[in-house]
C-alpha atoms as a PDB file:
ATOM      1  CA  TYR A   1      72.647 -28.949  -0.786  1.00  0.00           C
ATOM      2  CA  ARG A   2      74.340 -28.818  -4.151  1.00  0.00           C
ATOM      3  CA  ILE A   3      73.506 -25.906  -6.431  1.00  0.00           C
ATOM      4  CA  HIS A   4      71.823 -27.108  -9.606  1.00  0.00           C
ATOM      5  CA  PHE A   5      70.472 -23.935 -11.211  1.00  0.00           C
ATOM      6  CA  THR A   6      69.115 -24.730 -14.657  1.00  0.00           C
ATOM      7  CA  SER A   7      68.375 -21.262 -16.018  1.00  0.00           C
ATOM      8  CA  MET A   8      71.148 -19.819 -18.148  1.00  0.00           C
ATOM      9  CA  ILE A   9      72.494 -16.300 -18.460  1.00  0.00           C
ATOM     10  CA  TYR A  10      74.191 -15.530 -21.711  1.00  0.00           C
ATOM     11  CA  GLY A  11      76.792 -12.834 -22.080  1.00  0.00           C
ATOM     12  CA  TYR A  12      77.192 -10.532 -25.004  1.00  0.00           C
ATOM     13  CA  GLY A  13      77.577 -12.343 -28.315  1.00  0.00           C
ATOM     14  CA  ASN A  14      80.760 -10.482 -29.192  1.00  0.00           C
ATOM     15  CA  VAL A  15      82.582 -11.312 -25.923  1.00  0.00           C
ATOM     16  CA  GLY A  16      84.244 -14.705 -26.099  1.00  0.00           C
ATOM     17  CA  TRP A  17      85.512 -17.106 -23.480  1.00  0.00           C
ATOM     18  CA  ASP A  18      89.075 -16.089 -24.254  1.00  0.00           C
ATOM     19  CA  GLU A  19      88.320 -12.625 -22.890  1.00  0.00           C
ATOM     20  CA  ILE A  20      87.002 -14.061 -19.601  1.00  0.00           C
ATOM     21  CA  LYS A  21      88.969 -17.284 -19.108  1.00  0.00           C
ATOM     22  CA  LYS A  22      92.478 -18.384 -20.038  1.00  0.00           C
ATOM     23  CA  GLU A  23      93.959 -21.791 -20.571  1.00  0.00           C
ATOM     24  CA  ASP A  24      96.495 -22.590 -17.827  1.00  0.00           C
ATOM     25  CA  CYS A  25      97.659 -25.881 -19.286  1.00  0.00           C
ATOM     26  CA  LYS A  26      97.835 -26.741 -22.982  1.00  0.00           C
ATOM     27  CA  ARG A  27      97.621 -30.486 -22.305  1.00  0.00           C
ATOM     28  CA  CYS A  28      94.545 -30.729 -20.045  1.00  0.00           C
ATOM     29  CA  ARG A  29      93.055 -27.349 -21.020  1.00  0.00           C
ATOM     30  CA  HIS A  30      92.422 -26.230 -17.424  1.00  0.00           C
ATOM     31  CA  LEU A  31      90.944 -22.722 -17.349  1.00  0.00           C
ATOM     32  CA  SER A  32      91.277 -19.883 -14.877  1.00  0.00           C
ATOM     33  CA  GLN A  33      89.365 -16.642 -14.856  1.00  0.00           C
ATOM     34  CA  LEU A  34      90.990 -13.489 -16.201  1.00  0.00           C
ATOM     35  CA  ASN A  35      88.170 -10.966 -16.121  1.00  0.00           C
ATOM     36  CA  ASP A  36      84.707 -10.429 -14.754  1.00  0.00           C
ATOM     37  CA  TYR A  37      81.852 -12.005 -16.664  1.00  0.00           C
ATOM     38  CA  LEU A  38      79.943  -9.566 -18.868  1.00  0.00           C
ATOM     39  CA  ALA A  39      76.156  -9.756 -19.022  1.00  0.00           C
ATOM     40  CA  PRO A  40      73.356  -7.476 -20.202  1.00  0.00           C
ATOM     41  CA  ARG A  41      71.449  -5.494 -17.565  1.00  0.00           C
ATOM     42  CA  SER A  42      68.352  -7.593 -18.227  1.00  0.00           C
ATOM     43  CA  ALA A  43      70.191 -10.718 -17.001  1.00  0.00           C
ATOM     44  CA  GLY A  44      70.101  -9.618 -13.391  1.00  0.00           C
ATOM     45  CA  THR A  45      66.491  -8.552 -13.370  1.00  0.00           C
ATOM     46  CA  LYS A  46      64.978 -11.781 -14.662  1.00  0.00           C
ATOM     47  CA  LYS A  47      66.747 -14.612 -12.817  1.00  0.00           C
ATOM     48  CA  ALA A  48      67.465 -14.929  -9.093  1.00  0.00           C
ATOM     49  CA  GLY A  49      70.088 -17.614  -9.741  1.00  0.00           C
ATOM     50  CA  ALA A  50      71.442 -19.089 -12.933  1.00  0.00           C
ATOM     51  CA  GLN A  51      74.283 -20.841 -14.650  1.00  0.00           C
ATOM     52  CA  LEU A  52      76.473 -18.466 -16.623  1.00  0.00           C
ATOM     53  CA  ASP A  53      77.443 -19.560 -20.104  1.00  0.00           C
ATOM     54  CA  THR A  54      80.979 -20.067 -18.785  1.00  0.00           C
ATOM     55  CA  TRP A  55      79.474 -22.921 -16.679  1.00  0.00           C
ATOM     56  CA  ASP A  56      79.852 -20.973 -13.449  1.00  0.00           C
ATOM     57  CA  TYR A  57      76.905 -20.174 -11.165  1.00  0.00           C
ATOM     58  CA  GLY A  58      75.620 -16.755 -10.226  1.00  0.00           C
ATOM     59  CA  VAL A  59      72.937 -14.915  -8.270  1.00  0.00           C
ATOM     60  CA  CYS A  60      71.081 -11.620  -8.637  1.00  0.00           C
ATOM     61  CA  VAL A  61      72.222  -8.492  -6.817  1.00  0.00           C
ATOM     62  CA  GLU A  62      69.404  -8.784  -4.250  1.00  0.00           C
ATOM     63  CA  ALA A  63      70.309 -12.394  -3.362  1.00  0.00           C
ATOM     64  CA  HIS A  64      73.991 -11.381  -3.103  1.00  0.00           C
ATOM     65  CA  ASP A  65      73.137  -8.587  -0.666  1.00  0.00           C
ATOM     66  CA  GLU A  66      70.949 -10.839   1.503  1.00  0.00           C
ATOM     67  CA  LEU A  67      73.498 -13.681   1.560  1.00  0.00           C
ATOM     68  CA  ILE A  68      76.175 -11.316   2.868  1.00  0.00           C
ATOM     69  CA  LYS A  69      73.818  -9.754   5.397  1.00  0.00           C
ATOM     70  CA  GLN A  70      72.321 -12.971   6.800  1.00  0.00           C
ATOM     71  CA  PHE A  71      75.040 -15.617   6.519  1.00  0.00           C
ATOM     72  CA  ASN A  72      78.758 -16.253   6.990  1.00  0.00           C
ATOM     73  CA  ILE A  73      79.349 -15.372   3.355  1.00  0.00           C
ATOM     74  CA  ARG A  74      81.737 -12.576   2.446  1.00  0.00           C
ATOM     75  CA  GLU A  75      82.207 -10.295  -0.521  1.00  0.00           C
ATOM     76  CA  GLN A  76      85.248 -12.411  -1.523  1.00  0.00           C
ATOM     77  CA  ASP A  77      82.846 -15.307  -2.218  1.00  0.00           C
ATOM     78  CA  PHE A  78      81.471 -13.393  -5.202  1.00  0.00           C
ATOM     79  CA  ARG A  79      82.792 -11.919  -8.399  1.00  0.00           C
ATOM     80  CA  PRO A  80      80.802  -9.111 -10.044  1.00  0.00           C
ATOM     81  CA  CYS A  81      79.216  -9.600 -13.456  1.00  0.00           C
ATOM     82  CA  ARG A  82      79.053  -6.259 -15.239  1.00  0.00           C
ATOM     83  CA  ASN A  83      77.280  -4.848 -18.250  1.00  0.00           C
ATOM     84  CA  LYS A  84      79.102  -2.899 -20.956  1.00  0.00           C
ATOM     85  CA  LYS A  85      78.713   0.312 -18.940  1.00  0.00           C
ATOM     86  CA  GLY A  86      80.572  -1.306 -16.033  1.00  0.00           C
ATOM     87  CA  GLU A  87      77.494  -1.546 -13.787  1.00  0.00           C
ATOM     88  CA  ILE A  88      77.155  -4.658 -11.622  1.00  0.00           C
ATOM     89  CA  VAL A  89      74.105  -6.585 -12.843  1.00  0.00           C
ATOM     90  CA  TYR A  90      74.752 -10.031 -11.313  1.00  0.00           C
ATOM     91  CA  TYR A  91      77.268 -11.880  -9.137  1.00  0.00           C
ATOM     92  CA  GLN A  92      79.251 -15.017  -9.922  1.00  0.00           C
ATOM     93  CA  LEU A  93      79.639 -17.439  -6.993  1.00  0.00           C
ATOM     94  CA  VAL A  94      83.316 -18.071  -6.200  1.00  0.00           C
ATOM     95  CA  PRO A  95      83.443 -19.609  -2.700  1.00  0.00           C
ATOM     96  CA  GLN A  96      86.722 -19.163  -0.868  1.00  0.00           C
ATOM     97  CA  HIS A  97      86.139 -22.281   1.220  1.00  0.00           C
ATOM     98  CA  THR A  98      86.874 -25.711  -0.216  1.00  0.00           C
ATOM     99  CA  LEU A  99      85.368 -28.793   1.416  1.00  0.00           C
ATOM    100  CA  LEU A 100      87.431 -31.725   2.568  1.00  0.00           C
ATOM    101  CA  PRO A 101      87.687 -34.418  -0.143  1.00  0.00           C
ATOM    102  CA  ILE A 102      84.493 -36.441  -0.602  1.00  0.00           C
ATOM    103  CA  ALA A 103      85.521 -38.728  -3.491  1.00  0.00           C
ATOM    104  CA  ASN A 104      86.004 -41.815  -1.289  1.00  0.00           C
ATOM    105  CA  VAL A 105      82.619 -41.573   0.412  1.00  0.00           C
ATOM    106  CA  ASN A 106      80.975 -41.170  -3.018  1.00  0.00           C
ATOM    107  CA  GLY A 107      82.956 -43.819  -4.876  1.00  0.00           C
ATOM    108  CA  TRP A 108      84.094 -41.307  -7.491  1.00  0.00           C
ATOM    109  CA  THR A 109      86.839 -42.527  -9.772  1.00  0.00           C
ATOM    110  CA  PRO A 110      89.965 -40.386 -10.021  1.00  0.00           C
ATOM    111  CA  LEU A 111      91.082 -39.959 -13.598  1.00  0.00           C
ATOM    112  CA  LYS A 112      94.725 -39.999 -14.574  1.00  0.00           C
ATOM    113  CA  PRO A 113      96.335 -36.699 -13.480  1.00  0.00           C
ATOM    114  CA  CYS A 114      97.459 -34.345 -16.222  1.00  0.00           C
ATOM    115  CA  SER A 115     101.014 -35.271 -17.193  1.00  0.00           C
ATOM    116  CA  SER A 116     101.910 -31.612 -17.602  1.00  0.00           C
ATOM    117  CA  CYS A 117     100.382 -29.778 -14.599  1.00  0.00           C
ATOM    118  CA  GLY A 118      99.318 -32.676 -12.339  1.00  0.00           C
ATOM    119  CA  ARG A 119      95.713 -31.537 -11.928  1.00  0.00           C
ATOM    120  CA  GLN A 120      93.275 -34.282 -11.005  1.00  0.00           C
ATOM    121  CA  GLN A 121      89.725 -34.783 -12.287  1.00  0.00           C
ATOM    122  CA  TYR A 122      87.082 -37.189 -11.004  1.00  0.00           C
ATOM    123  CA  ARG A 123      84.275 -39.098 -12.637  1.00  0.00           C
ATOM    124  CA  ASN A 124      81.023 -39.697 -10.813  1.00  0.00           C
ATOM    125  CA  ASN A 125      79.957 -43.320 -11.263  1.00  0.00           C
ATOM    126  CA  ASN A 126      76.928 -43.028  -8.953  1.00  0.00           C
ATOM    127  CA  LYS A 127      73.843 -42.267 -10.974  1.00  0.00           C
ATOM    128  CA  ASN A 128      70.342 -42.464  -9.577  1.00  0.00           C
ATOM    129  CA  SER A 129      68.402 -44.635 -12.011  1.00  0.00           C
ATOM    130  CA  LEU A 130      65.153 -42.754 -11.294  1.00  0.00           C
ATOM    131  CA  ASP A 131      66.235 -39.336 -12.524  1.00  0.00           C
ATOM    132  CA  ASN A 132      69.786 -39.909 -13.765  1.00  0.00           C
ATOM    133  CA  ASP A 133      71.084 -37.235 -11.418  1.00  0.00           C
ATOM    134  CA  ASP A 134      74.194 -37.459  -9.288  1.00  0.00           C
ATOM    135  CA  ILE A 135      73.762 -38.464  -5.669  1.00  0.00           C
ATOM    136  CA  VAL A 136      76.252 -36.756  -3.375  1.00  0.00           C
ATOM    137  CA  TYR A 137      77.284 -37.904   0.095  1.00  0.00           C
ATOM    138  CA  ILE A 138      79.447 -36.254   2.715  1.00  0.00           C
ATOM    139  CA  SER A 139      81.030 -37.671   5.849  1.00  0.00           C
ATOM    140  CA  LYS A 140      80.514 -36.365   9.385  1.00  0.00           C
ATOM    141  CA  GLU A 141      83.990 -34.826   9.216  1.00  0.00           C
ATOM    142  CA  THR A 142      83.050 -32.924   6.050  1.00  0.00           C
ATOM    143  CA  LEU A 143      79.742 -31.858   7.569  1.00  0.00           C
ATOM    144  CA  ASP A 144      81.642 -30.390  10.520  1.00  0.00           C
ATOM    145  CA  ASP A 145      83.825 -28.468   8.020  1.00  0.00           C
ATOM    146  CA  LEU A 146      80.849 -27.192   5.983  1.00  0.00           C
ATOM    147  CA  HIS A 147      80.581 -23.420   5.561  1.00  0.00           C
ATOM    148  CA  ASP A 148      77.558 -21.587   4.190  1.00  0.00           C
ATOM    149  CA  LEU A 149      79.060 -21.572   0.653  1.00  0.00           C
ATOM    150  CA  ASN A 150      81.630 -24.156  -0.506  1.00  0.00           C
ATOM    151  CA  PHE A 151      83.441 -25.536  -3.520  1.00  0.00           C
ATOM    152  CA  THR A 152      84.046 -29.270  -3.597  1.00  0.00           C
ATOM    153  CA  PHE A 153      87.691 -30.275  -3.439  1.00  0.00           C
ATOM    154  CA  GLU A 154      87.106 -32.529  -6.427  1.00  0.00           C
ATOM    155  CA  MET A 155      86.977 -31.149  -9.947  1.00  0.00           C
ATOM    156  CA  PHE A 156      84.872 -32.729 -12.649  1.00  0.00           C
ATOM    157  CA  GLU A 157      84.550 -32.366 -16.413  1.00  0.00           C
ATOM    158  CA  MET A 158      86.550 -29.429 -17.692  1.00  0.00           C
ATOM    159  CA  TYR A 159      87.890 -28.907 -14.149  1.00  0.00           C
ATOM    160  CA  PHE A 160      84.729 -27.473 -12.613  1.00  0.00           C
ATOM    161  CA  HIS A 161      83.928 -27.838  -8.925  1.00  0.00           C
ATOM    162  CA  ASP A 162      80.436 -28.483  -7.561  1.00  0.00           C
ATOM    163  CA  LEU A 163      79.044 -25.808  -5.234  1.00  0.00           C
ATOM    164  CA  ILE A 164      77.573 -26.948  -1.918  1.00  0.00           C
ATOM    165  CA  VAL A 165      75.587 -24.679   0.412  1.00  0.00           C
ATOM    166  CA  SER A 166      74.564 -25.171   4.030  1.00  0.00           C
ATOM    167  CA  LYS A 167      71.025 -26.155   4.948  1.00  0.00           C
ATOM    168  CA  ARG A 168      70.262 -22.653   6.183  1.00  0.00           C
ATOM    169  CA  VAL A 169      71.374 -21.064   2.891  1.00  0.00           C
ATOM    170  CA  TYR A 170      69.265 -23.614   1.018  1.00  0.00           C
ATOM    171  CA  GLU A 171      66.266 -22.739   3.224  1.00  0.00           C
ATOM    172  CA  PHE A 172      66.809 -19.033   2.469  1.00  0.00           C
ATOM    173  CA  PHE A 173      66.724 -19.739  -1.273  1.00  0.00           C
ATOM    174  CA  ALA A 174      63.738 -22.091  -0.926  1.00  0.00           C
ATOM    175  CA  GLN A 175      61.783 -19.412   0.934  1.00  0.00           C
ATOM    176  CA  HIS A 176      62.705 -16.385  -1.182  1.00  0.00           C
ATOM    177  CA  TYR A 177      63.493 -17.936  -4.568  1.00  0.00           C
ATOM    178  CA  PRO A 178      61.536 -21.227  -4.690  1.00  0.00           C
ATOM    179  CA  ARG A 179      62.148 -21.871  -8.397  1.00  0.00           C
ATOM    180  CA  LEU A 180      65.891 -22.360  -7.963  1.00  0.00           C
ATOM    181  CA  LEU A 181      66.978 -25.988  -8.014  1.00  0.00           C
ATOM    182  CA  PHE A 182      69.232 -27.721  -5.502  1.00  0.00           C
ATOM    183  CA  ASP A 183      70.146 -31.384  -5.062  1.00  0.00           C
ATOM    184  CA  PRO A 184      70.162 -32.800  -1.543  1.00  0.00           C
ATOM    185  CA  VAL A 185      73.489 -33.931  -0.106  1.00  0.00           C
ATOM    186  CA  PHE A 186      73.262 -36.951   2.187  1.00  0.00           C
ATOM    187  CA  LEU A 187      75.291 -37.784   5.293  1.00  0.00           C
ATOM    188  CA  LYS A 188      77.070 -41.130   5.047  1.00  0.00           C
ATOM    189  CA  GLU A 189      78.452 -42.402   8.341  1.00  0.00           C
END
């Protein structure tokens, strides 16, 4: 299942992207993270899972603790989000496992690599006409390589990866946090 949290968590108004992310390449504007995301204490108490305003995904402290306890997910798969006092109020999802490439099975179009750094982006041409949402497929080989928390190999707009979770992690969220949204991922043989 692909994470598709729609709630947003906004950081402090006086903390800009340039304090959290840095531009690695002037030509394609690829970003990497410099510092932990900063969020008010109230952010972690109101939303079990959300999209951070840096376009990353995160979960509340309780979900973080349960994911580590119940699944093959490690502390390295998270990055703390702190308030101004330095207290952890939320966790950003940063999976250490990257799936095998799935662009071919999905018919995604590779864009021209950056002429400066060589990074590759993809465009998803497969839109479901009923809800205009992306449909994602994986192969049997990718399914066999699936961990409980994964980044896609492919990067999309602004060099962001999709996050894919195993069925058992999805079922955990569906049972304990039913308002969080996920998109199904289909097996294509």
